[in-house]
Amino acid sequence: METKVHKIDAEGKILGKLAVEIAVLIRGKDKPNYVPNKDMGDDVIVKNADKLKVTGKKLSDKIYYSHSGYLGGLKQAPLERLMAKRPNEALRRAVEGMLPKNKLAQEQIKRLKFE
């Protein structure tokens, strides 16, 4: 199995639409010999992730949650703060949400890299 490297410039692109494009490439769904239980995707390198666009009021309304595992350990971060601190993380979470929820996805998300 031969993998290719796709370089994507994220400047001016919409977050969700770009995440769909990346998820298809990472899973290998664009290939004619696609099989859902095999890892056949390509590597994706994204540059200018800090210049992504978001439509509507998502910057203030969309909230990402994480939990430390301890009582009262729920943390919230609106998309606006996440894009300011770590714009790569917002795109990575969007792509990760579009991958299957299994061990294969853990291997596939490793092929998403940022410049």
N, C-alpha and C. Protein backbone atom coordinates (compact mmCIF):
# COMPACT_ATOMS: atom_id res chain seq x y z
N MET A 1 0.83 -1.17 0.00
CA MET A 1 0.00 0.00 0.00
C MET A 1 0.88 1.25 0.00
N GLU A 2 0.64 2.11 -0.96
CA GLU A 2 1.43 3.31 -1.11
C GLU A 2 0.63 4.52 -0.65
N THR A 3 1.21 5.31 0.23
CA THR A 3 0.50 6.50 0.71
C THR A 3 1.11 7.74 0.09
N LYS A 4 0.25 8.71 -0.16
CA LYS A 4 0.69 9.99 -0.70
C LYS A 4 0.62 11.03 0.41
N VAL A 5 1.26 12.17 0.17
CA VAL A 5 1.21 13.28 1.10
C VAL A 5 0.45 14.41 0.43
N HIS A 6 -0.62 14.86 1.06
CA HIS A 6 -1.42 15.96 0.54
C HIS A 6 -1.12 17.19 1.38
N LYS A 7 -0.78 18.30 0.70
CA LYS A 7 -0.55 19.57 1.39
C LYS A 7 -1.73 20.47 1.11
N ILE A 8 -2.36 20.97 2.18
CA ILE A 8 -3.56 21.77 2.06
C ILE A 8 -3.32 23.13 2.70
N ASP A 9 -3.65 24.19 1.96
CA ASP A 9 -3.57 25.55 2.49
C ASP A 9 -4.95 25.92 3.03
N ALA A 10 -5.05 26.15 4.33
CA ALA A 10 -6.34 26.38 4.98
C ALA A 10 -6.75 27.84 4.98
N GLU A 11 -5.99 28.71 4.38
CA GLU A 11 -6.29 30.14 4.44
C GLU A 11 -7.61 30.45 3.74
N GLY A 12 -8.55 31.03 4.49
CA GLY A 12 -9.82 31.44 3.94
C GLY A 12 -10.85 30.33 3.80
N LYS A 13 -10.52 29.10 4.17
CA LYS A 13 -11.47 27.99 4.05
C LYS A 13 -12.31 27.88 5.32
N ILE A 14 -13.49 27.29 5.17
CA ILE A 14 -14.40 27.12 6.29
C ILE A 14 -14.01 25.86 7.07
N LEU A 15 -14.03 25.96 8.39
CA LEU A 15 -13.55 24.89 9.28
C LEU A 15 -14.19 23.54 8.98
N GLY A 16 -15.50 23.46 8.96
CA GLY A 16 -16.19 22.18 8.78
C GLY A 16 -15.97 21.57 7.41
N LYS A 17 -15.99 22.39 6.37
CA LYS A 17 -15.81 21.87 5.01
C LYS A 17 -14.39 21.35 4.80
N LEU A 18 -13.43 22.04 5.40
CA LEU A 18 -12.05 21.57 5.31
C LEU A 18 -11.87 20.27 6.10
N ALA A 19 -12.54 20.16 7.24
CA ALA A 19 -12.44 18.95 8.06
C ALA A 19 -13.00 17.74 7.32
N VAL A 20 -14.08 17.93 6.56
CA VAL A 20 -14.64 16.83 5.76
C VAL A 20 -13.64 16.38 4.72
N GLU A 21 -13.03 17.33 4.04
CA GLU A 21 -12.05 17.02 3.00
C GLU A 21 -10.86 16.24 3.57
N ILE A 22 -10.38 16.67 4.73
CA ILE A 22 -9.24 16.01 5.37
C ILE A 22 -9.62 14.61 5.85
N ALA A 23 -10.81 14.47 6.43
CA ALA A 23 -11.25 13.16 6.94
C ALA A 23 -11.35 12.13 5.82
N VAL A 24 -11.82 12.54 4.66
CA VAL A 24 -11.91 11.63 3.51
C VAL A 24 -10.52 11.17 3.07
N LEU A 25 -9.56 12.10 3.03
CA LEU A 25 -8.19 11.75 2.63
C LEU A 25 -7.52 10.84 3.66
N ILE A 26 -7.72 11.13 4.95
CA ILE A 26 -7.08 10.33 6.00
C ILE A 26 -7.63 8.91 6.04
N ARG A 27 -8.93 8.75 5.80
CA ARG A 27 -9.54 7.42 5.82
C ARG A 27 -9.26 6.64 4.54
N GLY A 28 -9.01 7.35 3.44
CA GLY A 28 -8.77 6.68 2.17
C GLY A 28 -10.06 6.42 1.39
N LYS A 29 -11.11 7.13 1.69
CA LYS A 29 -12.39 6.90 1.03
C LYS A 29 -12.40 7.36 -0.42
N ASP A 30 -11.39 8.11 -0.83
CA ASP A 30 -11.31 8.55 -2.21
C ASP A 30 -10.65 7.52 -3.12
N LYS A 31 -10.17 6.43 -2.55
CA LYS A 31 -9.48 5.41 -3.33
C LYS A 31 -10.45 4.32 -3.79
N PRO A 32 -10.21 3.74 -4.95
CA PRO A 32 -11.14 2.71 -5.46
C PRO A 32 -11.10 1.40 -4.66
N ASN A 33 -10.01 1.14 -3.97
CA ASN A 33 -9.90 -0.10 -3.20
C ASN A 33 -10.15 0.12 -1.71
N TYR A 34 -11.01 1.08 -1.36
CA TYR A 34 -11.30 1.43 0.04
C TYR A 34 -11.99 0.27 0.75
N VAL A 35 -11.50 -0.06 1.93
CA VAL A 35 -12.12 -1.06 2.80
C VAL A 35 -12.22 -0.42 4.19
N PRO A 36 -13.41 -0.44 4.82
CA PRO A 36 -13.56 0.28 6.07
C PRO A 36 -12.73 -0.24 7.23
N ASN A 37 -12.33 -1.50 7.19
CA ASN A 37 -11.60 -2.05 8.33
C ASN A 37 -10.09 -2.02 8.15
N LYS A 38 -9.60 -1.35 7.10
CA LYS A 38 -8.15 -1.23 6.88
C LYS A 38 -7.76 0.24 6.82
N ASP A 39 -6.54 0.48 7.21
CA ASP A 39 -6.01 1.84 7.22
C ASP A 39 -5.32 2.09 5.89
N MET A 40 -6.02 2.71 4.94
CA MET A 40 -5.50 2.90 3.59
C MET A 40 -5.34 4.36 3.23
N GLY A 41 -5.46 5.26 4.19
CA GLY A 41 -5.46 6.68 3.90
C GLY A 41 -4.09 7.27 3.66
N ASP A 42 -4.10 8.54 3.34
CA ASP A 42 -2.87 9.27 3.03
C ASP A 42 -2.54 10.24 4.16
N ASP A 43 -1.33 10.79 4.10
CA ASP A 43 -0.91 11.81 5.05
C ASP A 43 -1.41 13.16 4.58
N VAL A 44 -1.77 14.01 5.53
CA VAL A 44 -2.26 15.36 5.21
C VAL A 44 -1.48 16.36 6.04
N ILE A 45 -0.91 17.36 5.36
CA ILE A 45 -0.19 18.44 6.03
C ILE A 45 -0.97 19.72 5.77
N VAL A 46 -1.36 20.40 6.85
CA VAL A 46 -2.16 21.62 6.76
C VAL A 46 -1.32 22.81 7.17
N LYS A 47 -1.34 23.85 6.34
CA LYS A 47 -0.66 25.08 6.74
C LYS A 47 -1.67 26.21 6.79
N ASN A 48 -1.36 27.26 7.52
CA ASN A 48 -2.23 28.42 7.74
C ASN A 48 -3.53 28.04 8.44
N ALA A 49 -3.48 27.14 9.41
CA ALA A 49 -4.68 26.75 10.14
C ALA A 49 -5.22 27.89 10.99
N ASP A 50 -4.39 28.88 11.28
CA ASP A 50 -4.85 30.01 12.08
C ASP A 50 -5.69 30.99 11.26
N LYS A 51 -5.76 30.80 9.94
CA LYS A 51 -6.53 31.70 9.08
C LYS A 51 -7.82 31.06 8.58
N LEU A 52 -8.32 30.06 9.32
CA LEU A 52 -9.59 29.42 8.99
C LEU A 52 -10.74 30.37 9.24
N LYS A 53 -11.83 30.17 8.50
CA LYS A 53 -13.04 30.96 8.73
C LYS A 53 -14.09 30.09 9.40
N VAL A 54 -14.96 30.73 10.18
CA VAL A 54 -16.06 30.04 10.83
C VAL A 54 -17.32 30.84 10.53
N THR A 55 -18.39 30.15 10.15
CA THR A 55 -19.62 30.83 9.79
C THR A 55 -20.53 31.00 11.00
N GLY A 56 -21.45 31.94 10.90
CA GLY A 56 -22.44 32.16 11.95
C GLY A 56 -21.83 32.66 13.25
N LYS A 57 -22.47 32.29 14.36
CA LYS A 57 -22.02 32.74 15.68
C LYS A 57 -21.25 31.64 16.40
N LYS A 58 -20.63 30.75 15.64
CA LYS A 58 -19.92 29.62 16.25
C LYS A 58 -18.75 30.05 17.11
N LEU A 59 -18.10 31.15 16.76
CA LEU A 59 -16.94 31.59 17.55
C LEU A 59 -17.31 31.81 19.01
N SER A 60 -18.48 32.33 19.27
CA SER A 60 -18.86 32.58 20.66
C SER A 60 -19.76 31.48 21.23
N ASP A 61 -20.54 30.82 20.39
CA ASP A 61 -21.53 29.85 20.87
C ASP A 61 -21.01 28.43 20.99
N LYS A 62 -20.07 28.02 20.13
CA LYS A 62 -19.57 26.64 20.16
C LYS A 62 -18.59 26.48 21.31
N ILE A 63 -18.85 25.50 22.17
CA ILE A 63 -18.02 25.29 23.36
C ILE A 63 -17.45 23.88 23.32
N TYR A 64 -16.15 23.78 23.54
CA TYR A 64 -15.47 22.48 23.63
C TYR A 64 -15.30 22.14 25.11
N TYR A 65 -15.58 20.88 25.45
CA TYR A 65 -15.50 20.43 26.84
C TYR A 65 -14.37 19.41 26.98
N SER A 66 -13.74 19.43 28.14
CA SER A 66 -12.78 18.39 28.51
C SER A 66 -12.91 18.17 30.01
N HIS A 67 -12.58 16.97 30.44
CA HIS A 67 -12.71 16.63 31.86
C HIS A 67 -11.42 16.00 32.34
N SER A 68 -10.97 16.41 33.52
CA SER A 68 -9.71 15.92 34.07
C SER A 68 -9.87 14.54 34.70
N GLY A 69 -11.10 14.14 35.01
CA GLY A 69 -11.33 12.87 35.68
C GLY A 69 -11.58 13.04 37.16
N TYR A 70 -11.29 14.22 37.70
CA TYR A 70 -11.54 14.50 39.10
C TYR A 70 -12.89 15.19 39.26
N LEU A 71 -13.41 15.16 40.50
CA LEU A 71 -14.66 15.84 40.77
C LEU A 71 -14.52 17.34 40.49
N GLY A 72 -15.47 17.88 39.77
CA GLY A 72 -15.42 19.29 39.43
C GLY A 72 -14.38 19.64 38.39
N GLY A 73 -13.89 18.64 37.66
CA GLY A 73 -12.80 18.86 36.71
C GLY A 73 -13.25 19.16 35.30
N LEU A 74 -14.50 19.60 35.11
CA LEU A 74 -14.99 19.93 33.78
C LEU A 74 -14.46 21.28 33.35
N LYS A 75 -13.84 21.32 32.16
CA LYS A 75 -13.32 22.58 31.65
C LYS A 75 -14.04 22.91 30.36
N GLN A 76 -14.31 24.19 30.15
CA GLN A 76 -15.00 24.65 28.96
C GLN A 76 -14.14 25.68 28.25
N ALA A 77 -14.14 25.62 26.92
CA ALA A 77 -13.40 26.60 26.14
C ALA A 77 -14.21 26.93 24.89
N PRO A 78 -14.63 28.20 24.73
CA PRO A 78 -15.33 28.55 23.50
C PRO A 78 -14.37 28.48 22.30
N LEU A 79 -14.93 28.33 21.13
CA LEU A 79 -14.12 28.20 19.92
C LEU A 79 -13.23 29.41 19.71
N GLU A 80 -13.70 30.57 20.09
CA GLU A 80 -12.92 31.80 19.93
C GLU A 80 -11.60 31.73 20.70
N ARG A 81 -11.66 31.25 21.95
CA ARG A 81 -10.45 31.13 22.77
C ARG A 81 -9.54 30.02 22.25
N LEU A 82 -10.15 28.92 21.78
CA LEU A 82 -9.37 27.81 21.25
C LEU A 82 -8.64 28.22 19.97
N MET A 83 -9.32 28.98 19.11
CA MET A 83 -8.69 29.45 17.87
C MET A 83 -7.57 30.45 18.16
N ALA A 84 -7.72 31.22 19.22
CA ALA A 84 -6.68 32.19 19.57
C ALA A 84 -5.44 31.49 20.12
N LYS A 85 -5.66 30.48 20.99
CA LYS A 85 -4.53 29.78 21.61
C LYS A 85 -3.91 28.74 20.69
N ARG A 86 -4.76 27.81 20.22
CA ARG A 86 -4.27 26.68 19.42
C ARG A 86 -5.21 26.42 18.24
N PRO A 87 -5.04 27.12 17.13
CA PRO A 87 -5.94 26.92 15.99
C PRO A 87 -5.84 25.52 15.40
N ASN A 88 -4.70 24.88 15.55
CA ASN A 88 -4.56 23.51 15.05
C ASN A 88 -5.48 22.56 15.79
N GLU A 89 -5.68 22.80 17.07
CA GLU A 89 -6.49 21.91 17.90
C GLU A 89 -7.95 21.94 17.48
N ALA A 90 -8.46 23.09 17.06
CA ALA A 90 -9.85 23.19 16.62
C ALA A 90 -10.07 22.34 15.36
N LEU A 91 -9.15 22.41 14.42
CA LEU A 91 -9.26 21.61 13.20
C LEU A 91 -9.06 20.13 13.50
N ARG A 92 -8.12 19.81 14.39
CA ARG A 92 -7.88 18.41 14.72
C ARG A 92 -9.12 17.79 15.37
N ARG A 93 -9.78 18.53 16.27
CA ARG A 93 -10.99 18.01 16.92
C ARG A 93 -12.13 17.84 15.92
N ALA A 94 -12.22 18.74 14.95
CA ALA A 94 -13.27 18.62 13.94
C ALA A 94 -13.06 17.37 13.07
N VAL A 95 -11.81 17.12 12.70
CA VAL A 95 -11.50 15.94 11.88
C VAL A 95 -11.69 14.68 12.70
N GLU A 96 -11.26 14.69 13.95
CA GLU A 96 -11.38 13.52 14.81
C GLU A 96 -12.84 13.13 15.03
N GLY A 97 -13.72 14.11 15.07
CA GLY A 97 -15.14 13.83 15.22
C GLY A 97 -15.75 13.15 14.01
N MET A 98 -15.08 13.25 12.86
CA MET A 98 -15.58 12.65 11.62
C MET A 98 -14.98 11.27 11.36
N LEU A 99 -14.07 10.83 12.19
CA LEU A 99 -13.48 9.51 12.04
C LEU A 99 -14.27 8.50 12.87
N PRO A 100 -14.16 7.20 12.56
CA PRO A 100 -14.87 6.21 13.35
C PRO A 100 -14.34 6.17 14.78
N LYS A 101 -15.19 5.78 15.70
CA LYS A 101 -14.80 5.76 17.11
C LYS A 101 -14.24 4.38 17.46
N ASN A 102 -13.02 4.10 17.02
CA ASN A 102 -12.39 2.81 17.29
C ASN A 102 -10.87 2.97 17.27
N LYS A 103 -10.16 1.87 17.38
CA LYS A 103 -8.70 1.92 17.43
C LYS A 103 -8.10 2.37 16.11
N LEU A 104 -8.80 2.14 15.02
CA LEU A 104 -8.31 2.54 13.71
C LEU A 104 -8.21 4.06 13.60
N ALA A 105 -9.14 4.76 14.22
CA ALA A 105 -9.15 6.21 14.17
C ALA A 105 -7.94 6.79 14.91
N GLN A 106 -7.49 6.12 15.95
CA GLN A 106 -6.32 6.59 16.69
C GLN A 106 -5.08 6.58 15.81
N GLU A 107 -4.99 5.61 14.93
CA GLU A 107 -3.86 5.54 14.00
C GLU A 107 -4.03 6.55 12.87
N GLN A 108 -5.26 6.75 12.43
CA GLN A 108 -5.50 7.65 11.31
C GLN A 108 -5.27 9.11 11.68
N ILE A 109 -5.64 9.52 12.87
CA ILE A 109 -5.50 10.92 13.25
C ILE A 109 -4.03 11.32 13.39
N LYS A 110 -3.15 10.34 13.57
CA LYS A 110 -1.72 10.62 13.66
C LYS A 110 -1.15 11.11 12.32
N ARG A 111 -1.87 10.85 11.24
CA ARG A 111 -1.39 11.29 9.93
C ARG A 111 -1.79 12.71 9.57
N LEU A 112 -2.48 13.39 10.48
CA LEU A 112 -2.80 14.80 10.28
C LEU A 112 -1.70 15.62 10.94
N LYS A 113 -1.00 16.40 10.14
CA LYS A 113 0.13 17.20 10.65
C LYS A 113 -0.08 18.66 10.26
N PHE A 114 0.57 19.55 11.00
CA PHE A 114 0.42 20.96 10.78
C PHE A 114 1.79 21.61 10.58
N GLU A 115 1.80 22.65 9.75
CA GLU A 115 3.03 23.43 9.55
C GLU A 115 2.96 24.73 10.31
